[in-house]
């Protein structure tokens, strides 16, 4: 009889991994040989031959061989790399401008979904431009400051809406203040001059254009006799320590850098407004939302009046002459 028993095939499951991480999927089960000639196994897996004292397996009991240790470290590094890539992917998949457009879409949709706060159709019918400033921040610690960014969409003469123009806003205030405020702001421009003030470079609310709180409520939605005296109407949703939101003194100016990053080339506001290109994919939803809320208020294109024929002139009256006697016959005419 042979000194060693017949070779037995023992399937040993792969190790549990490193520091509690699951073993990598590439670690397949290993086939161990009972002869023990393959090094790298613990005394628990290597049988003891005849005449060989227990514990003399060539490997200390409970010791992890170098090959297994390397496998565990490799699996640990792979798991960390995979986790890091999964966390970093969403952050790198969207730019700041795309996030601004997405947030502006949500703000406008949520505002119009609130019956007590939505913009009345009568005001939307007069709108020459819509500006959405999502997440405008106001902070105060002694001196106050307000800053944010957003987009402006302009209504063309035929009633269609332009692609978004990126804008920034900022203001400072004097006086003792303490606290913070985060506000989503929607501005409705009712005059072409106020829109051109923004697209021309910069406009200061309250100085270059009058601003007022926009009418809200079901009464405003149903009214047909509202009068609009201000050039810009503001709607805001705030949450913070300040009791109210004042836009007086806020400067709004075009962000040429953001426009260049979003459109991939240098485009001034007039080019963006005049362009008939389809909106970039990130802005398609925003432009569609603006079209949706103003669909019932699209103003018809001006119709030229048909030329009218000139009125017929009255026929000339028949003239008659009658002879008159000369009072001084033979005298020189005077």
C-alpha atoms as a PDB file:
ATOM      1  CA  UNK A   1       0.000   0.000   0.000  1.00  0.00           C
ATOM      2  CA  UNK A   2       1.307   3.338  -0.888  1.00  0.00           C
ATOM      3  CA  UNK A   3       2.735   5.453   1.855  1.00  0.00           C
ATOM      4  CA  UNK A   4       0.336   8.310   0.997  1.00  0.00           C
ATOM      5  CA  UNK A   5      -3.385   7.769   0.651  1.00  0.00           C
ATOM      6  CA  UNK A   6      -5.082   8.437  -2.639  1.00  0.00           C
ATOM      7  CA  UNK A   7      -5.202  12.038  -3.574  1.00  0.00           C
ATOM      8  CA  UNK A   8      -8.365  13.633  -2.394  1.00  0.00           C
ATOM      9  CA  UNK A   9      -9.763  16.771  -4.021  1.00  0.00           C
ATOM     10  CA  UNK A  10     -10.898  19.324  -1.480  1.00  0.00           C
ATOM     11  CA  UNK A  11     -12.660  22.441  -2.652  1.00  0.00           C
ATOM     12  CA  UNK A  12     -11.845  25.298  -0.312  1.00  0.00           C
ATOM     13  CA  UNK A  13     -13.915  28.432  -0.488  1.00  0.00           C
ATOM     14  CA  UNK A  14     -12.070  31.652  -1.127  1.00  0.00           C
ATOM     15  CA  UNK A  15     -11.110  33.824   1.870  1.00  0.00           C
ATOM     16  CA  UNK A  16     -13.680  36.292   3.212  1.00  0.00           C
ATOM     17  CA  UNK A  17     -11.825  39.366   2.081  1.00  0.00           C
ATOM     18  CA  UNK A  18      -9.820  42.101   3.752  1.00  0.00           C
ATOM     19  CA  UNK A  19     -11.115  44.085   6.744  1.00  0.00           C
ATOM     20  CA  UNK A  20     -14.706  43.018   6.205  1.00  0.00           C
ATOM     21  CA  UNK A  21     -14.853  43.877   2.496  1.00  0.00           C
ATOM     22  CA  UNK A  22     -16.396  41.139   0.324  1.00  0.00           C
ATOM     23  CA  UNK A  23     -13.985  39.082  -1.682  1.00  0.00           C
ATOM     24  CA  UNK A  24     -13.580  40.182  -5.296  1.00  0.00           C
ATOM     25  CA  UNK A  25     -15.637  38.258  -7.840  1.00  0.00           C
ATOM     26  CA  UNK A  26     -12.480  37.104  -9.613  1.00  0.00           C
ATOM     27  CA  UNK A  27     -11.414  34.971  -6.602  1.00  0.00           C
ATOM     28  CA  UNK A  28     -12.575  31.536  -7.746  1.00  0.00           C
ATOM     29  CA  UNK A  29     -12.608  28.482  -5.438  1.00  0.00           C
ATOM     30  CA  UNK A  30      -9.266  26.664  -5.244  1.00  0.00           C
ATOM     31  CA  UNK A  31      -8.617  22.942  -5.527  1.00  0.00           C
ATOM     32  CA  UNK A  32      -6.236  21.787  -2.820  1.00  0.00           C
ATOM     33  CA  UNK A  33      -4.164  18.687  -2.965  1.00  0.00           C
ATOM     34  CA  UNK A  34      -4.064  16.467   0.109  1.00  0.00           C
ATOM     35  CA  UNK A  35      -0.430  15.634  -0.417  1.00  0.00           C
ATOM     36  CA  UNK A  36       0.491  19.049   0.890  1.00  0.00           C
ATOM     37  CA  UNK A  37       3.215  19.510  -1.651  1.00  0.00           C
ATOM     38  CA  UNK A  38       1.731  22.832  -2.759  1.00  0.00           C
ATOM     39  CA  UNK A  39       2.870  25.460  -0.348  1.00  0.00           C
ATOM     40  CA  UNK A  40       0.700  28.274   0.854  1.00  0.00           C
ATOM     41  CA  UNK A  41      -1.956  26.516   2.941  1.00  0.00           C
ATOM     42  CA  UNK A  42      -2.600  26.510   6.635  1.00  0.00           C
ATOM     43  CA  UNK A  43      -2.298  23.451   8.811  1.00  0.00           C
ATOM     44  CA  UNK A  44      -6.081  23.196   8.804  1.00  0.00           C
ATOM     45  CA  UNK A  45      -6.145  22.374   5.093  1.00  0.00           C
ATOM     46  CA  UNK A  46      -2.937  20.288   4.752  1.00  0.00           C
ATOM     47  CA  UNK A  47      -3.254  16.730   6.051  1.00  0.00           C
ATOM     48  CA  UNK A  48      -0.509  15.177   8.187  1.00  0.00           C
ATOM     49  CA  UNK A  49       1.273  12.208   6.695  1.00  0.00           C
ATOM     50  CA  UNK A  50       2.040   8.972   8.553  1.00  0.00           C
ATOM     51  CA  UNK A  51       4.769   9.397  11.099  1.00  0.00           C
ATOM     52  CA  UNK A  52       4.634  13.138  10.930  1.00  0.00           C
ATOM     53  CA  UNK A  53       3.778  14.858  14.222  1.00  0.00           C
ATOM     54  CA  UNK A  54       0.762  17.117  14.329  1.00  0.00           C
ATOM     55  CA  UNK A  55       1.474  20.785  13.771  1.00  0.00           C
ATOM     56  CA  UNK A  56       4.455  20.077  11.497  1.00  0.00           C
ATOM     57  CA  UNK A  57       2.780  21.144   8.282  1.00  0.00           C
ATOM     58  CA  UNK A  58       5.438  23.556   7.184  1.00  0.00           C
ATOM     59  CA  UNK A  59       3.171  26.554   7.791  1.00  0.00           C
ATOM     60  CA  UNK A  60       2.372  27.968  11.182  1.00  0.00           C
ATOM     61  CA  UNK A  61      -1.232  27.319  12.256  1.00  0.00           C
ATOM     62  CA  UNK A  62      -3.515  30.256  11.444  1.00  0.00           C
ATOM     63  CA  UNK A  63      -0.902  32.049   9.384  1.00  0.00           C
ATOM     64  CA  UNK A  64      -2.091  33.627   6.126  1.00  0.00           C
ATOM     65  CA  UNK A  65       0.219  32.713   3.239  1.00  0.00           C
ATOM     66  CA  UNK A  66       1.734  35.435   1.081  1.00  0.00           C
ATOM     67  CA  UNK A  67      -0.323  34.505  -1.983  1.00  0.00           C
ATOM     68  CA  UNK A  68      -3.615  34.838  -0.112  1.00  0.00           C
ATOM     69  CA  UNK A  69      -2.482  38.043   1.539  1.00  0.00           C
ATOM     70  CA  UNK A  70      -1.663  39.563  -1.840  1.00  0.00           C
ATOM     71  CA  UNK A  71      -5.047  38.453  -3.151  1.00  0.00           C
ATOM     72  CA  UNK A  72      -6.818  40.121  -0.242  1.00  0.00           C
ATOM     73  CA  UNK A  73      -4.920  43.381  -0.680  1.00  0.00           C
ATOM     74  CA  UNK A  74      -5.654  43.378  -4.412  1.00  0.00           C
ATOM     75  CA  UNK A  75      -9.358  42.862  -3.744  1.00  0.00           C
ATOM     76  CA  UNK A  76      -9.364  45.645  -1.159  1.00  0.00           C
ATOM     77  CA  UNK A  77      -7.742  48.124  -3.554  1.00  0.00           C
ATOM     78  CA  UNK A  78     -10.151  47.141  -6.337  1.00  0.00           C
ATOM     79  CA  UNK A  79     -13.142  47.650  -4.035  1.00  0.00           C
ATOM     80  CA  UNK A  80     -11.912  51.107  -3.036  1.00  0.00           C
ATOM     81  CA  UNK A  81     -11.327  52.079  -6.665  1.00  0.00           C
ATOM     82  CA  UNK A  82     -14.798  50.898  -7.648  1.00  0.00           C
ATOM     83  CA  UNK A  83     -16.449  52.779  -4.779  1.00  0.00           C
ATOM     84  CA  UNK A  84     -14.525  55.940  -5.620  1.00  0.00           C
ATOM     85  CA  UNK A  85     -15.496  55.779  -9.276  1.00  0.00           C
ATOM     86  CA  UNK A  86     -19.169  55.305  -8.411  1.00  0.00           C
ATOM     87  CA  UNK A  87     -19.119  58.348  -6.123  1.00  0.00           C
ATOM     88  CA  UNK A  88     -17.162  60.573  -8.497  1.00  0.00           C
ATOM     89  CA  UNK A  89     -19.197  59.767 -11.612  1.00  0.00           C
ATOM     90  CA  UNK A  90     -22.326  61.824 -10.746  1.00  0.00           C
ATOM     91  CA  UNK A  91     -20.269  64.876  -9.755  1.00  0.00           C
ATOM     92  CA  UNK A  92     -18.363  64.873 -13.045  1.00  0.00           C
ATOM     93  CA  UNK A  93     -21.430  64.192 -15.178  1.00  0.00           C
ATOM     94  CA  UNK A  94     -23.009  67.638 -14.775  1.00  0.00           C
ATOM     95  CA  UNK A  95     -21.607  71.150 -15.054  1.00  0.00           C
ATOM     96  CA  UNK A  96     -22.494  74.188 -12.983  1.00  0.00           C
ATOM     97  CA  UNK A  97     -24.495  75.684 -15.844  1.00  0.00           C
ATOM     98  CA  UNK A  98     -26.447  72.463 -16.378  1.00  0.00           C
ATOM     99  CA  UNK A  99     -27.258  72.354 -12.659  1.00  0.00           C
ATOM    100  CA  UNK A 100     -28.500  75.957 -12.829  1.00  0.00           C
ATOM    101  CA  UNK A 101     -30.796  75.098 -15.747  1.00  0.00           C
ATOM    102  CA  UNK A 102     -32.159  72.003 -13.994  1.00  0.00           C
ATOM    103  CA  UNK A 103     -32.826  73.905 -10.772  1.00  0.00           C
ATOM    104  CA  UNK A 104     -34.497  76.736 -12.686  1.00  0.00           C
ATOM    105  CA  UNK A 105     -36.834  74.214 -14.311  1.00  0.00           C
ATOM    106  CA  UNK A 106     -37.810  72.772 -10.933  1.00  0.00           C
ATOM    107  CA  UNK A 107     -38.385  76.222  -9.400  1.00  0.00           C
ATOM    108  CA  UNK A 108     -40.664  77.343 -12.239  1.00  0.00           C
ATOM    109  CA  UNK A 109     -42.587  74.072 -12.262  1.00  0.00           C
ATOM    110  CA  UNK A 110     -43.119  74.105  -8.499  1.00  0.00           C
ATOM    111  CA  UNK A 111     -44.183  77.766  -8.508  1.00  0.00           C
ATOM    112  CA  UNK A 112     -46.782  77.195 -11.203  1.00  0.00           C
ATOM    113  CA  UNK A 113     -47.985  74.111  -9.367  1.00  0.00           C
ATOM    114  CA  UNK A 114     -49.080  76.188  -6.353  1.00  0.00           C
ATOM    115  CA  UNK A 115     -52.520  77.743  -7.009  1.00  0.00           C
ATOM    116  CA  UNK A 116     -51.996  80.402  -4.335  1.00  0.00           C
ATOM    117  CA  UNK A 117     -48.568  81.483  -5.603  1.00  0.00           C
ATOM    118  CA  UNK A 118     -48.494  80.925  -9.355  1.00  0.00           C
ATOM    119  CA  UNK A 119     -48.074  83.706 -11.876  1.00  0.00           C
ATOM    120  CA  UNK A 120     -51.445  84.854 -13.294  1.00  0.00           C
ATOM    121  CA  UNK A 121     -52.077  84.267 -16.984  1.00  0.00           C
ATOM    122  CA  UNK A 122     -52.824  87.955 -17.446  1.00  0.00           C
ATOM    123  CA  UNK A 123     -49.288  88.803 -16.347  1.00  0.00           C
ATOM    124  CA  UNK A 124     -47.747  86.007 -18.406  1.00  0.00           C
ATOM    125  CA  UNK A 125     -49.526  87.424 -21.427  1.00  0.00           C
ATOM    126  CA  UNK A 126     -47.642  90.697 -20.924  1.00  0.00           C
ATOM    127  CA  UNK A 127     -44.303  89.018 -20.203  1.00  0.00           C
ATOM    128  CA  UNK A 128     -41.404  90.085 -22.403  1.00  0.00           C
ATOM    129  CA  UNK A 129     -38.970  87.961 -20.432  1.00  0.00           C
ATOM    130  CA  UNK A 130     -38.766  85.432 -17.603  1.00  0.00           C
ATOM    131  CA  UNK A 131     -35.783  85.220 -15.267  1.00  0.00           C
ATOM    132  CA  UNK A 132     -35.331  82.353 -12.810  1.00  0.00           C
ATOM    133  CA  UNK A 133     -32.735  82.677 -10.034  1.00  0.00           C
ATOM    134  CA  UNK A 134     -32.646  79.384  -8.106  1.00  0.00           C
ATOM    135  CA  UNK A 135     -30.953  79.320  -4.722  1.00  0.00           C
ATOM    136  CA  UNK A 136     -30.087  83.014  -4.381  1.00  0.00           C
ATOM    137  CA  UNK A 137     -28.212  83.453  -1.101  1.00  0.00           C
ATOM    138  CA  UNK A 138     -28.501  86.408   1.254  1.00  0.00           C
ATOM    139  CA  UNK A 139     -26.197  86.560   4.257  1.00  0.00           C
ATOM    140  CA  UNK A 140     -25.758  89.190   6.923  1.00  0.00           C
ATOM    141  CA  UNK A 141     -23.113  89.644   9.560  1.00  0.00           C
ATOM    142  CA  UNK A 142     -22.880  93.357  10.173  1.00  0.00           C
ATOM    143  CA  UNK A 143     -22.983  94.180   6.449  1.00  0.00           C
ATOM    144  CA  UNK A 144     -25.328  92.228   4.203  1.00  0.00           C
ATOM    145  CA  UNK A 145     -24.740  90.696   0.798  1.00  0.00           C
ATOM    146  CA  UNK A 146     -26.838  88.848  -1.746  1.00  0.00           C
ATOM    147  CA  UNK A 147     -25.559  86.804  -4.675  1.00  0.00           C
ATOM    148  CA  UNK A 148     -26.762  84.147  -7.062  1.00  0.00           C
ATOM    149  CA  UNK A 149     -27.013  83.066 -10.676  1.00  0.00           C
ATOM    150  CA  UNK A 150     -29.776  82.080 -13.031  1.00  0.00           C
ATOM    151  CA  UNK A 151     -31.140  82.284 -16.555  1.00  0.00           C
ATOM    152  CA  UNK A 152     -33.195  84.720 -18.634  1.00  0.00           C
ATOM    153  CA  UNK A 153     -35.536  83.651 -21.438  1.00  0.00           C
ATOM    154  CA  UNK A 154     -36.790  86.347 -23.809  1.00  0.00           C
ATOM    155  CA  UNK A 155     -40.027  86.373 -25.760  1.00  0.00           C
ATOM    156  CA  UNK A 156     -39.543  87.132 -29.445  1.00  0.00           C
ATOM    157  CA  UNK A 157     -41.857  89.265 -31.545  1.00  0.00           C
ATOM    158  CA  UNK A 158     -43.657  86.184 -32.900  1.00  0.00           C
ATOM    159  CA  UNK A 159     -44.414  84.891 -29.385  1.00  0.00           C
ATOM    160  CA  UNK A 160     -41.740  82.173 -29.303  1.00  0.00           C
ATOM    161  CA  UNK A 161     -39.185  81.925 -26.504  1.00  0.00           C
ATOM    162  CA  UNK A 162     -35.415  82.123 -26.774  1.00  0.00           C
ATOM    163  CA  UNK A 163     -32.803  79.798 -25.373  1.00  0.00           C
ATOM    164  CA  UNK A 164     -31.538  80.712 -21.882  1.00  0.00           C
ATOM    165  CA  UNK A 165     -29.108  83.557 -21.300  1.00  0.00           C
ATOM    166  CA  UNK A 166     -27.051  83.068 -18.143  1.00  0.00           C
ATOM    167  CA  UNK A 167     -26.991  85.922 -15.644  1.00  0.00           C
ATOM    168  CA  UNK A 168     -25.566  86.704 -12.219  1.00  0.00           C
ATOM    169  CA  UNK A 169     -27.007  88.850  -9.459  1.00  0.00           C
ATOM    170  CA  UNK A 170     -25.373  90.624  -6.560  1.00  0.00           C
ATOM    171  CA  UNK A 171     -26.036  93.374  -4.050  1.00  0.00           C
ATOM    172  CA  UNK A 172     -24.725  94.756  -0.787  1.00  0.00           C
ATOM    173  CA  UNK A 173     -26.575  96.491   2.034  1.00  0.00           C
ATOM    174  CA  UNK A 174     -25.515  98.713   4.908  1.00  0.00           C
ATOM    175  CA  UNK A 175     -26.842  98.312   8.422  1.00  0.00           C
ATOM    176  CA  UNK A 176     -26.685  95.823  11.228  1.00  0.00           C
ATOM    177  CA  UNK A 177     -27.848  92.423  10.032  1.00  0.00           C
ATOM    178  CA  UNK A 178     -27.386  88.914  11.273  1.00  0.00           C
ATOM    179  CA  UNK A 179     -28.633  85.718   9.714  1.00  0.00           C
ATOM    180  CA  UNK A 180     -28.957  83.996   6.383  1.00  0.00           C
ATOM    181  CA  UNK A 181     -31.564  83.399   3.739  1.00  0.00           C
ATOM    182  CA  UNK A 182     -31.956  81.174   0.711  1.00  0.00           C
ATOM    183  CA  UNK A 183     -34.518  82.182  -1.894  1.00  0.00           C
ATOM    184  CA  UNK A 184     -35.771  80.957  -5.250  1.00  0.00           C
ATOM    185  CA  UNK A 185     -36.726  84.005  -7.312  1.00  0.00           C
ATOM    186  CA  UNK A 186     -38.711  84.367 -10.527  1.00  0.00           C
ATOM    187  CA  UNK A 187     -38.815  87.770 -12.246  1.00  0.00           C
ATOM    188  CA  UNK A 188     -41.398  88.648 -14.895  1.00  0.00           C
ATOM    189  CA  UNK A 189     -40.286  91.462 -17.236  1.00  0.00           C
ATOM    190  CA  UNK A 190     -43.226  93.352 -18.733  1.00  0.00           C
ATOM    191  CA  UNK A 191     -41.340  95.877 -20.878  1.00  0.00           C
ATOM    192  CA  UNK A 192     -38.881  95.434 -23.700  1.00  0.00           C
ATOM    193  CA  UNK A 193     -36.652  98.168 -22.282  1.00  0.00           C
ATOM    194  CA  UNK A 194     -36.141  96.297 -19.004  1.00  0.00           C
ATOM    195  CA  UNK A 195     -35.155  93.148 -20.905  1.00  0.00           C
ATOM    196  CA  UNK A 196     -32.748  95.104 -23.083  1.00  0.00           C
ATOM    197  CA  UNK A 197     -31.258  96.613 -19.939  1.00  0.00           C
ATOM    198  CA  UNK A 198     -30.181  93.144 -18.830  1.00  0.00           C
ATOM    199  CA  UNK A 199     -29.036  91.883 -22.220  1.00  0.00           C
ATOM    200  CA  UNK A 200     -27.164  95.127 -22.765  1.00  0.00           C
ATOM    201  CA  UNK A 201     -24.874  94.397 -19.830  1.00  0.00           C
ATOM    202  CA  UNK A 202     -26.368  95.253 -16.438  1.00  0.00           C
ATOM    203  CA  UNK A 203     -29.508  96.548 -14.778  1.00  0.00           C
ATOM    204  CA  UNK A 204     -30.111  97.677 -11.195  1.00  0.00           C
ATOM    205  CA  UNK A 205     -33.533  96.880  -9.809  1.00  0.00           C
ATOM    206  CA  UNK A 206     -35.271  99.923  -8.405  1.00  0.00           C
ATOM    207  CA  UNK A 207     -32.923 102.340 -10.149  1.00  0.00           C
ATOM    208  CA  UNK A 208     -32.951 101.312 -13.805  1.00  0.00           C
ATOM    209  CA  UNK A 209     -36.275  99.477 -13.663  1.00  0.00           C
ATOM    210  CA  UNK A 210     -39.118  99.507 -11.156  1.00  0.00           C
ATOM    211  CA  UNK A 211     -39.765  96.230  -9.351  1.00  0.00           C
ATOM    212  CA  UNK A 212     -42.794  95.130  -7.340  1.00  0.00           C
ATOM    213  CA  UNK A 213     -44.127  91.979  -5.735  1.00  0.00           C
ATOM    214  CA  UNK A 214     -46.113  89.967  -8.233  1.00  0.00           C
ATOM    215  CA  UNK A 215     -49.870  89.448  -7.770  1.00  0.00           C
ATOM    216  CA  UNK A 216     -50.770  86.017  -6.397  1.00  0.00           C
ATOM    217  CA  UNK A 217     -53.815  84.085  -5.321  1.00  0.00           C
ATOM    218  CA  UNK A 218     -56.892  82.712  -6.990  1.00  0.00           C
ATOM    219  CA  UNK A 219     -58.396  86.202  -7.256  1.00  0.00           C
ATOM    220  CA  UNK A 220     -55.427  87.384  -9.307  1.00  0.00           C
ATOM    221  CA  UNK A 221     -55.637  84.282 -11.479  1.00  0.00           C
ATOM    222  CA  UNK A 222     -59.287  84.980 -12.316  1.00  0.00           C
ATOM    223  CA  UNK A 223     -59.032  88.755 -12.592  1.00  0.00           C
ATOM    224  CA  UNK A 224     -59.181  90.452 -15.965  1.00  0.00           C
ATOM    225  CA  UNK A 225     -58.750  94.009 -14.717  1.00  0.00           C
ATOM    226  CA  UNK A 226     -55.319  93.930 -13.096  1.00  0.00           C
ATOM    227  CA  UNK A 227     -53.169  96.942 -13.810  1.00  0.00           C
ATOM    228  CA  UNK A 228     -49.427  96.494 -14.156  1.00  0.00           C
ATOM    229  CA  UNK A 229     -47.479  99.655 -13.491  1.00  0.00           C
ATOM    230  CA  UNK A 230     -44.082  98.145 -12.619  1.00  0.00           C
ATOM    231  CA  UNK A 231     -41.599  96.979 -15.216  1.00  0.00           C
ATOM    232  CA  UNK A 232     -40.606  93.853 -13.289  1.00  0.00           C
ATOM    233  CA  UNK A 233     -42.674  91.659 -10.965  1.00  0.00           C
ATOM    234  CA  UNK A 234     -40.967  89.369  -8.476  1.00  0.00           C
ATOM    235  CA  UNK A 235     -42.028  86.019  -7.054  1.00  0.00           C
ATOM    236  CA  UNK A 236     -39.929  84.390  -4.355  1.00  0.00           C
ATOM    237  CA  UNK A 237     -39.902  81.404  -2.064  1.00  0.00           C
ATOM    238  CA  UNK A 238     -37.725  82.025   0.968  1.00  0.00           C
ATOM    239  CA  UNK A 239     -36.571  80.123   3.998  1.00  0.00           C
ATOM    240  CA  UNK A 240     -34.231  81.592   6.557  1.00  0.00           C
ATOM    241  CA  UNK A 241     -33.825  84.107   9.325  1.00  0.00           C
ATOM    242  CA  UNK A 242     -34.746  87.239   7.383  1.00  0.00           C
ATOM    243  CA  UNK A 243     -38.396  88.194   7.610  1.00  0.00           C
ATOM    244  CA  UNK A 244     -38.714  89.390   4.029  1.00  0.00           C
ATOM    245  CA  UNK A 245     -36.906  89.731   0.754  1.00  0.00           C
ATOM    246  CA  UNK A 246     -36.125  93.074  -0.830  1.00  0.00           C
ATOM    247  CA  UNK A 247     -34.703  93.197  -4.343  1.00  0.00           C
ATOM    248  CA  UNK A 248     -34.157  96.954  -4.412  1.00  0.00           C
ATOM    249  CA  UNK A 249     -30.591  97.719  -5.385  1.00  0.00           C
ATOM    250  CA  UNK A 250     -29.866  94.260  -6.758  1.00  0.00           C
ATOM    251  CA  UNK A 251     -27.688  94.289  -9.830  1.00  0.00           C
ATOM    252  CA  UNK A 252     -28.327  91.785 -12.612  1.00  0.00           C
ATOM    253  CA  UNK A 253     -25.685  91.319 -15.285  1.00  0.00           C
ATOM    254  CA  UNK A 254     -24.932  88.857 -18.062  1.00  0.00           C
ATOM    255  CA  UNK A 255     -22.447  86.050 -17.377  1.00  0.00           C
ATOM    256  CA  UNK A 256     -20.493  85.771 -20.621  1.00  0.00           C
ATOM    257  CA  UNK A 257     -18.295  83.064 -19.132  1.00  0.00           C
ATOM    258  CA  UNK A 258     -21.260  80.837 -18.275  1.00  0.00           C
ATOM    259  CA  UNK A 259     -22.771  81.386 -21.732  1.00  0.00           C
ATOM    260  CA  UNK A 260     -19.506  80.386 -23.377  1.00  0.00           C
ATOM    261  CA  UNK A 261     -19.178  77.242 -21.252  1.00  0.00           C
ATOM    262  CA  UNK A 262     -22.791  76.186 -21.846  1.00  0.00           C
ATOM    263  CA  UNK A 263     -22.945  76.792 -25.603  1.00  0.00           C
ATOM    264  CA  UNK A 264     -19.365  75.778 -26.322  1.00  0.00           C
ATOM    265  CA  UNK A 265     -18.479  79.044 -28.032  1.00  0.00           C
ATOM    266  CA  UNK A 266     -18.632  82.766 -27.428  1.00  0.00           C
ATOM    267  CA  UNK A 267     -22.209  84.010 -27.797  1.00  0.00           C
ATOM    268  CA  UNK A 268     -23.475  87.433 -26.802  1.00  0.00           C
ATOM    269  CA  UNK A 269     -27.072  87.729 -25.525  1.00  0.00           C
ATOM    270  CA  UNK A 270     -28.427  89.088 -28.816  1.00  0.00           C
ATOM    271  CA  UNK A 271     -27.034  86.046 -30.654  1.00  0.00           C
ATOM    272  CA  UNK A 272     -28.652  83.648 -28.180  1.00  0.00           C
ATOM    273  CA  UNK A 273     -32.012  85.419 -28.377  1.00  0.00           C
ATOM    274  CA  UNK A 274     -32.027  85.615 -32.173  1.00  0.00           C
ATOM    275  CA  UNK A 275     -30.836  82.037 -32.694  1.00  0.00           C
ATOM    276  CA  UNK A 276     -33.452  79.623 -34.011  1.00  0.00           C
ATOM    277  CA  UNK A 277     -31.383  76.566 -33.120  1.00  0.00           C
ATOM    278  CA  UNK A 278     -32.972  73.917 -30.950  1.00  0.00           C
ATOM    279  CA  UNK A 279     -32.061  74.385 -27.281  1.00  0.00           C
ATOM    280  CA  UNK A 280     -29.146  72.298 -26.006  1.00  0.00           C
ATOM    281  CA  UNK A 281     -30.260  69.037 -24.416  1.00  0.00           C
ATOM    282  CA  UNK A 282     -29.876  70.273 -20.801  1.00  0.00           C
ATOM    283  CA  UNK A 283     -32.061  73.334 -21.565  1.00  0.00           C
ATOM    284  CA  UNK A 284     -34.763  71.594 -23.608  1.00  0.00           C
ATOM    285  CA  UNK A 285     -36.854  70.848 -20.529  1.00  0.00           C
ATOM    286  CA  UNK A 286     -36.685  74.445 -19.274  1.00  0.00           C
ATOM    287  CA  UNK A 287     -37.666  75.949 -22.630  1.00  0.00           C
ATOM    288  CA  UNK A 288     -40.479  73.413 -22.888  1.00  0.00           C
ATOM    289  CA  UNK A 289     -41.754  74.343 -19.422  1.00  0.00           C
ATOM    290  CA  UNK A 290     -41.817  78.054 -20.309  1.00  0.00           C
ATOM    291  CA  UNK A 291     -43.701  77.277 -23.502  1.00  0.00           C
ATOM    292  CA  UNK A 292     -46.165  75.148 -21.558  1.00  0.00           C
ATOM    293  CA  UNK A 293     -47.090  77.763 -18.951  1.00  0.00           C
ATOM    294  CA  UNK A 294     -47.421  80.473 -21.597  1.00  0.00           C
ATOM    295  CA  UNK A 295     -49.202  78.330 -24.197  1.00  0.00           C
ATOM    296  CA  UNK A 296     -52.593  79.829 -23.355  1.00  0.00           C
ATOM    297  CA  UNK A 297     -51.189  83.349 -23.453  1.00  0.00           C
ATOM    298  CA  UNK A 298     -49.382  83.309 -26.792  1.00  0.00           C
ATOM    299  CA  UNK A 299     -50.007  86.624 -28.419  1.00  0.00           C
ATOM    300  CA  UNK A 300     -51.105  86.459 -32.073  1.00  0.00           C
ATOM    301  CA  UNK A 301     -48.682  87.834 -34.582  1.00  0.00           C
ATOM    302  CA  UNK A 302     -49.591  91.339 -35.703  1.00  0.00           C
ATOM    303  CA  UNK A 303     -51.729  91.316 -38.829  1.00  0.00           C
ATOM    304  CA  UNK A 304     -51.193  94.074 -41.325  1.00  0.00           C
ATOM    305  CA  UNK A 305     -54.406  95.872 -42.318  1.00  0.00           C
ATOM    306  CA  UNK A 306     -55.428  95.506 -45.922  1.00  0.00           C
ATOM    307  CA  UNK A 307     -54.943  98.690 -47.927  1.00  0.00           C
ATOM    308  CA  UNK A 308     -58.174 100.583 -48.458  1.00  0.00           C
ATOM    309  CA  UNK A 309     -59.167 102.242 -51.696  1.00  0.00           C
ATOM    310  CA  UNK A 310     -59.209 106.043 -51.635  1.00  0.00           C
ATOM    311  CA  UNK A 311     -62.634 107.615 -51.238  1.00  0.00           C
ATOM    312  CA  UNK A 312     -64.263 108.740 -54.392  1.00  0.00           C
ATOM    313  CA  UNK A 313     -64.151 112.488 -54.905  1.00  0.00           C
ATOM    314  CA  UNK A 314     -67.479 114.279 -55.178  1.00  0.00           C
ATOM    315  CA  UNK A 315     -68.332 115.274 -58.734  1.00  0.00           C
ATOM    316  CA  UNK A 316     -67.730 118.981 -59.445  1.00  0.00           C
ATOM    317  CA  UNK A 317     -70.863 121.088 -59.203  1.00  0.00           C
ATOM    318  CA  UNK A 318     -72.064 122.809 -62.361  1.00  0.00           C
ATOM    319  CA  UNK A 319     -71.108 126.505 -62.324  1.00  0.00           C
ATOM    320  CA  UNK A 320     -73.314 129.228 -63.818  1.00  0.00           C
ATOM    321  CA  UNK A 321     -72.439 132.877 -64.526  1.00  0.00           C
ATOM    322  CA  UNK A 322     -74.767 135.826 -64.649  1.00  0.00           C
ATOM    323  CA  UNK A 323     -74.013 139.310 -66.195  1.00  0.00           C
ATOM    324  CA  UNK A 324     -73.990 142.326 -63.873  1.00  0.00           C
ATOM    325  CA  UNK A 325     -74.669 145.907 -64.980  1.00  0.00           C
ATOM    326  CA  UNK A 326     -71.755 148.365 -64.949  1.00  0.00           C
ATOM    327  CA  UNK A 327     -72.548 151.115 -62.437  1.00  0.00           C
ATOM    328  CA  UNK A 328     -70.162 153.654 -64.140  1.00  0.00           C
ATOM    329  CA  UNK A 329     -70.096 153.044 -67.852  1.00  0.00           C
ATOM    330  CA  UNK A 330     -67.023 154.475 -69.614  1.00  0.00           C
ATOM    331  CA  UNK A 331     -65.062 155.021 -66.366  1.00  0.00           C
ATOM    332  CA  UNK A 332     -61.579 153.630 -65.705  1.00  0.00           C
ATOM    333  CA  UNK A 333     -61.723 150.364 -63.752  1.00  0.00           C
ATOM    334  CA  UNK A 334     -60.607 150.825 -60.201  1.00  0.00           C
END
